[in-house]
């Protein structure tokens, strides 16, 4: 099983919380509050950011310093809800150093007098600034779960049966000021303590008599003993204060929304000091110089690589041309040997030249071996050209573009070739070739023919794709694609026959053997003549061929393979 990723933590320099301002006209009151603090030099600068489009929403930015030299940036987002009698606030502050709880809470600066500005954002209204009673409703379990999951605050449950709060006993009064808006204190009566402990049983912690318990609201979860505080806290709540401070020193959880606000505060800040603006400009110039240097180095590297690989590509093209010429020569020798053998065989049947016929047969076999070797060399060079063309096309796209790799494995059988064609080559319509390839099975060259057939089908697919992207004006037919410098997959041009011979074209019987099934959108009869073909094998039979119909500019926009099998008569 895959391990669950732990939640992200709030950066140590960030203070964040959320809650409600209760009272009318909170946006105007906050603006008045900021203006007064600026006049008193409590804040160094502030602005109402113009990033909202509603009179019921506002964003306030403010900047001040703590501990003499530590700068603080804060952003308050307000959303007014008159139907609820107040405004929902989200407050995010970022310091230039890790946050110290001894610093003033950002909430106390933004909170406007005349409103209840310290209400937490939970279903049960509670205040950050004073102790709260645990709700007495039947939804105690739901409330405890909500309080424990809050990413904004820590909830402390304290056992207290007193009906009135005794001055000096509030936990908040003993905590550092920076925790205002981050810690909620709840008083639990004896009647409620048992019910609370039943809910807490799963966590291992419980609320001891006269003591307190911290709800583990964020990982890492400490031991239950670290969450429980025992003793008479009414007389001395120092142990509780120490426990809360230990817990607040742990990483705070961060929701994606909170992290986004923290990053936005950094990226879209406008209240810069002159020094900050100068530093940002300097850093931008340094980064720009670094990027220019890196891009220049990348450009030089790619230019050198391109020059080197262009040389290799030219060598591969030259070798391929030589291999094609060698193949043509070998093919001519085979045809000449076949003719001579036929002539000698005829003479032999007349009772002469038997030894000469045997010698001619040997020469024909040797010519066929030479032809096969030339074709293998041509195949290898063709694959090398494809690899380096693909690599050259990638130059300039990314400095991490890998060198060309070997092509993917080809099918091992005709059945696998059929399955992969239908799955991987959407522009190829391949008929069932089970029967037509039966004479090829078991032949010593069967794997060579399967490989060449697969490369042919990939080339036809690439041709159809390129024709769709670049148009029939550039690539009117397969022959144009095979000569196109940007072609991705290729077969040697010597293996492509755009049409049949004149004798075949004028013979009704031979034309009929080359009519194969196609969709009726191509031919109403459901069959069409396929004279265009690819030579898969050479020499003596079966010398397999692949016949196809090019409908890349038609309604199907596919290439229809009608036949793969031995050379047709």
Foldseek 3Di string as FASTA:
>chain_A
DDDDDFFDFDPLQKAKAKFWWAAPPLVVLLVVLVVVCCVVVQWVDKDWDPPDDDPQKTKIWTWDDDPVPKIKIKIKIWGADVVVRTIIIIMMMGIPDGDDLLTAAPQVSRRGPPILSAWHPDPDTFGLPFEAEQDPDPCSLVRLVRQLQDLQAKEKEFEDADPDDDPPLTLCVVARNRCRNHYYYYYYYPVCQVVQQVSCVVVVAGADVQWMFIRNNGPPDDDNVLGTGDDNSSVPVVSVNVSVVVSVVDTGGDDPVRVVVVVCSVVVDDPDDPVRVVVVVVVVVVVVVVVVVVVVVLVVVLVVVLVVLVVVLVVLVVQLVVLVVQLVVLQVQLVVLVVVLVVQVVVVVVPDDPVVNVVSVVSNVVSQVSNVVSQVSNVVSQQVNLQSLVVSVCRPVDSPDDRGDHDDDFDPDPVVLVVCCVVPQVQEAEDDAVVQAVVVPPDPCNRLLSVLVSLVSVQQSQLLVVCVVPHCVQPVDSLSLQVDSNRNGHDDPVFWDQFADPVLVPDPVSQVVQWFADDVQVPVVRIDGFGTWGQSADHDPQRWIWTWDQQCVHDSNHIYTGHTHGDGD
